[in-house]
Amino acid sequence: MNCIDAVPYIPRYGSLKSEPGGSQRKSKLAHPEPKITMDEKRLFFALSTGVRMSEIFTLTWHNVDLVNRVATVTNENAKSGKTRALLLNHDAMELIRKLRFRDSCEYVFTL
């Protein structure tokens, strides 16, 4: 089995770059936003909210309250058979807002 000896360095968007001489400044180059697939968006939402994948596929816009930052998993879709509320953190809300106006589909996450 291969093991990782150290955490690899991955530069982030807008991160400081080191210059010769030791000084640091923000990069002036514009970095385009990376393309994120729908699978990655579903996984990100699952990690942000703790929701199951089966519940993500059945989440409709009718069950998302953007004002109160809550998504509702109905009892028909929940594994436990009980309705529950998902609190949406900042990252989940940002993703939901981006998905809101992409098409007129009933479901939040499409295939």
C-alpha atoms as a PDB file:
ATOM      1  CA  MET A   1       0.000   0.000   0.000  1.00  0.00           C
ATOM      2  CA  ASN A   2       1.314   3.437  -0.896  1.00  0.00           C
ATOM      3  CA  CYS A   3       1.478   5.976   1.903  1.00  0.00           C
ATOM      4  CA  ILE A   4       1.707   9.741   1.661  1.00  0.00           C
ATOM      5  CA  ASP A   5       4.783  11.070   3.442  1.00  0.00           C
ATOM      6  CA  ALA A   6       3.769  14.723   3.377  1.00  0.00           C
ATOM      7  CA  VAL A   7       0.794  16.863   2.465  1.00  0.00           C
ATOM      8  CA  PRO A   8       1.300  18.160  -1.092  1.00  0.00           C
ATOM      9  CA  TYR A   9       1.280  21.914  -1.648  1.00  0.00           C
ATOM     10  CA  ILE A  10      -1.691  23.014  -3.725  1.00  0.00           C
ATOM     11  CA  PRO A  11      -1.811  26.745  -4.486  1.00  0.00           C
ATOM     12  CA  ARG A  12      -5.214  28.304  -3.917  1.00  0.00           C
ATOM     13  CA  TYR A  13      -6.911  30.947  -5.987  1.00  0.00           C
ATOM     14  CA  GLY A  14      -5.535  34.352  -5.031  1.00  0.00           C
ATOM     15  CA  SER A  15      -2.808  32.908  -2.816  1.00  0.00           C
ATOM     16  CA  LEU A  16       0.427  34.744  -2.204  1.00  0.00           C
ATOM     17  CA  LYS A  17       3.335  33.778  -4.393  1.00  0.00           C
ATOM     18  CA  SER A  18       6.873  33.799  -3.152  1.00  0.00           C
ATOM     19  CA  GLU A  19       9.337  35.929  -5.107  1.00  0.00           C
ATOM     20  CA  PRO A  20      13.129  35.833  -5.135  1.00  0.00           C
ATOM     21  CA  GLY A  21      14.370  37.927  -2.251  1.00  0.00           C
ATOM     22  CA  GLY A  22      11.766  36.744   0.194  1.00  0.00           C
ATOM     23  CA  SER A  23       9.014  39.318  -0.384  1.00  0.00           C
ATOM     24  CA  GLN A  24       5.494  38.213  -1.125  1.00  0.00           C
ATOM     25  CA  ARG A  25       2.738  39.903  -3.117  1.00  0.00           C
ATOM     26  CA  LYS A  26      -0.594  38.873  -4.573  1.00  0.00           C
ATOM     27  CA  SER A  27      -0.502  37.468  -8.057  1.00  0.00           C
ATOM     28  CA  LYS A  28      -1.817  39.907 -10.658  1.00  0.00           C
ATOM     29  CA  LEU A  29      -2.775  37.113 -13.020  1.00  0.00           C
ATOM     30  CA  ALA A  30      -6.482  36.432 -13.307  1.00  0.00           C
ATOM     31  CA  HIS A  31      -7.237  32.793 -12.605  1.00  0.00           C
ATOM     32  CA  PRO A  32     -10.397  31.408 -14.161  1.00  0.00           C
ATOM     33  CA  GLU A  33     -12.826  29.570 -11.902  1.00  0.00           C
ATOM     34  CA  PRO A  34     -12.240  25.815 -12.175  1.00  0.00           C
ATOM     35  CA  LYS A  35     -14.976  23.769 -13.818  1.00  0.00           C
ATOM     36  CA  ILE A  36     -16.765  21.686 -11.216  1.00  0.00           C
ATOM     37  CA  THR A  37     -18.828  18.711 -12.300  1.00  0.00           C
ATOM     38  CA  MET A  38     -22.303  18.000 -10.958  1.00  0.00           C
ATOM     39  CA  ASP A  39     -20.917  14.951  -9.117  1.00  0.00           C
ATOM     40  CA  GLU A  40     -18.444  17.186  -7.290  1.00  0.00           C
ATOM     41  CA  LYS A  41     -21.243  19.622  -6.424  1.00  0.00           C
ATOM     42  CA  ARG A  42     -23.363  16.809  -4.981  1.00  0.00           C
ATOM     43  CA  LEU A  43     -20.413  15.509  -2.949  1.00  0.00           C
ATOM     44  CA  PHE A  44     -19.607  18.998  -1.691  1.00  0.00           C
ATOM     45  CA  PHE A  45     -23.242  19.508  -0.641  1.00  0.00           C
ATOM     46  CA  ALA A  46     -23.267  16.126   1.121  1.00  0.00           C
ATOM     47  CA  LEU A  47     -20.123  16.987   3.067  1.00  0.00           C
ATOM     48  CA  SER A  48     -21.435  20.450   3.935  1.00  0.00           C
ATOM     49  CA  THR A  49     -24.798  19.291   5.229  1.00  0.00           C
ATOM     50  CA  GLY A  50     -24.461  15.626   6.221  1.00  0.00           C
ATOM     51  CA  VAL A  51     -27.245  14.568   3.866  1.00  0.00           C
ATOM     52  CA  ARG A  52     -27.337  11.142   2.194  1.00  0.00           C
ATOM     53  CA  MET A  53     -26.873  10.844  -1.567  1.00  0.00           C
ATOM     54  CA  SER A  54     -30.352   9.364  -2.009  1.00  0.00           C
ATOM     55  CA  GLU A  55     -31.750  12.455  -0.264  1.00  0.00           C
ATOM     56  CA  ILE A  56     -29.704  14.754  -2.498  1.00  0.00           C
ATOM     57  CA  PHE A  57     -31.153  13.186  -5.644  1.00  0.00           C
ATOM     58  CA  THR A  58     -34.714  13.705  -4.376  1.00  0.00           C
ATOM     59  CA  LEU A  59     -34.260  17.265  -3.013  1.00  0.00           C
ATOM     60  CA  THR A  60     -36.611  19.671  -4.809  1.00  0.00           C
ATOM     61  CA  TRP A  61     -36.616  23.457  -4.926  1.00  0.00           C
ATOM     62  CA  HIS A  62     -39.937  23.400  -3.100  1.00  0.00           C
ATOM     63  CA  ASN A  63     -38.077  21.998  -0.055  1.00  0.00           C
ATOM     64  CA  VAL A  64     -35.322  24.643  -0.028  1.00  0.00           C
ATOM     65  CA  ASP A  65     -35.832  27.842   1.971  1.00  0.00           C
ATOM     66  CA  LEU A  66     -33.147  30.331   0.943  1.00  0.00           C
ATOM     67  CA  VAL A  67     -34.328  33.017   3.377  1.00  0.00           C
ATOM     68  CA  ASN A  68     -34.047  30.829   6.480  1.00  0.00           C
ATOM     69  CA  ARG A  69     -31.100  28.803   5.099  1.00  0.00           C
ATOM     70  CA  VAL A  70     -32.837  25.450   5.555  1.00  0.00           C
ATOM     71  CA  ALA A  71     -33.463  22.504   3.259  1.00  0.00           C
ATOM     72  CA  THR A  72     -36.094  19.967   4.275  1.00  0.00           C
ATOM     73  CA  VAL A  73     -35.773  16.236   3.685  1.00  0.00           C
ATOM     74  CA  THR A  74     -39.308  14.874   3.574  1.00  0.00           C
ATOM     75  CA  ASN A  75     -40.370  11.678   5.316  1.00  0.00           C
ATOM     76  CA  GLU A  76     -40.881   9.956   1.924  1.00  0.00           C
ATOM     77  CA  ASN A  77     -37.213  10.504   1.057  1.00  0.00           C
ATOM     78  CA  ALA A  78     -35.542  10.103   4.451  1.00  0.00           C
ATOM     79  CA  LYS A  79     -34.021   6.769   5.404  1.00  0.00           C
ATOM     80  CA  SER A  80     -35.475   7.064   8.910  1.00  0.00           C
ATOM     81  CA  GLY A  81     -38.933   7.873   7.557  1.00  0.00           C
ATOM     82  CA  LYS A  82     -38.985  11.169   9.488  1.00  0.00           C
ATOM     83  CA  THR A  83     -38.920  14.678   8.063  1.00  0.00           C
ATOM     84  CA  ARG A  84     -35.806  16.584   9.064  1.00  0.00           C
ATOM     85  CA  ALA A  85     -34.314  19.986   8.444  1.00  0.00           C
ATOM     86  CA  LEU A  86     -30.833  20.516   7.019  1.00  0.00           C
ATOM     87  CA  LEU A  87     -29.128  23.696   8.126  1.00  0.00           C
ATOM     88  CA  LEU A  88     -27.300  25.222   5.178  1.00  0.00           C
ATOM     89  CA  ASN A  89     -23.913  26.730   5.982  1.00  0.00           C
ATOM     90  CA  HIS A  90     -22.339  29.524   3.927  1.00  0.00           C
ATOM     91  CA  ASP A  91     -20.705  27.171   1.410  1.00  0.00           C
ATOM     92  CA  ALA A  92     -23.880  25.159   0.851  1.00  0.00           C
ATOM     93  CA  MET A  93     -25.890  28.371   0.388  1.00  0.00           C
ATOM     94  CA  GLU A  94     -23.399  29.668  -2.168  1.00  0.00           C
ATOM     95  CA  LEU A  95     -23.689  26.427  -4.142  1.00  0.00           C
ATOM     96  CA  ILE A  96     -27.508  26.459  -3.954  1.00  0.00           C
ATOM     97  CA  ARG A  97     -27.629  30.061  -5.196  1.00  0.00           C
ATOM     98  CA  LYS A  98     -25.450  29.190  -8.177  1.00  0.00           C
ATOM     99  CA  LEU A  99     -27.672  26.226  -9.052  1.00  0.00           C
ATOM    100  CA  ARG A 100     -30.942  28.128  -8.599  1.00  0.00           C
ATOM    101  CA  PHE A 101     -31.095  29.860 -11.966  1.00  0.00           C
ATOM    102  CA  ARG A 102     -29.345  27.374 -14.225  1.00  0.00           C
ATOM    103  CA  ASP A 103     -32.519  25.735 -15.563  1.00  0.00           C
ATOM    104  CA  SER A 104     -36.178  25.212 -14.747  1.00  0.00           C
ATOM    105  CA  CYS A 105     -35.799  21.708 -13.326  1.00  0.00           C
ATOM    106  CA  GLU A 106     -37.853  20.692 -10.284  1.00  0.00           C
ATOM    107  CA  TYR A 107     -34.857  19.004  -8.620  1.00  0.00           C
ATOM    108  CA  VAL A 108     -31.911  20.868  -7.138  1.00  0.00           C
ATOM    109  CA  PHE A 109     -29.285  18.368  -8.297  1.00  0.00           C
ATOM    110  CA  THR A 110     -29.826  16.814 -11.693  1.00  0.00           C
ATOM    111  CA  LEU A 111     -27.976  13.967 -13.375  1.00  0.00           C
END
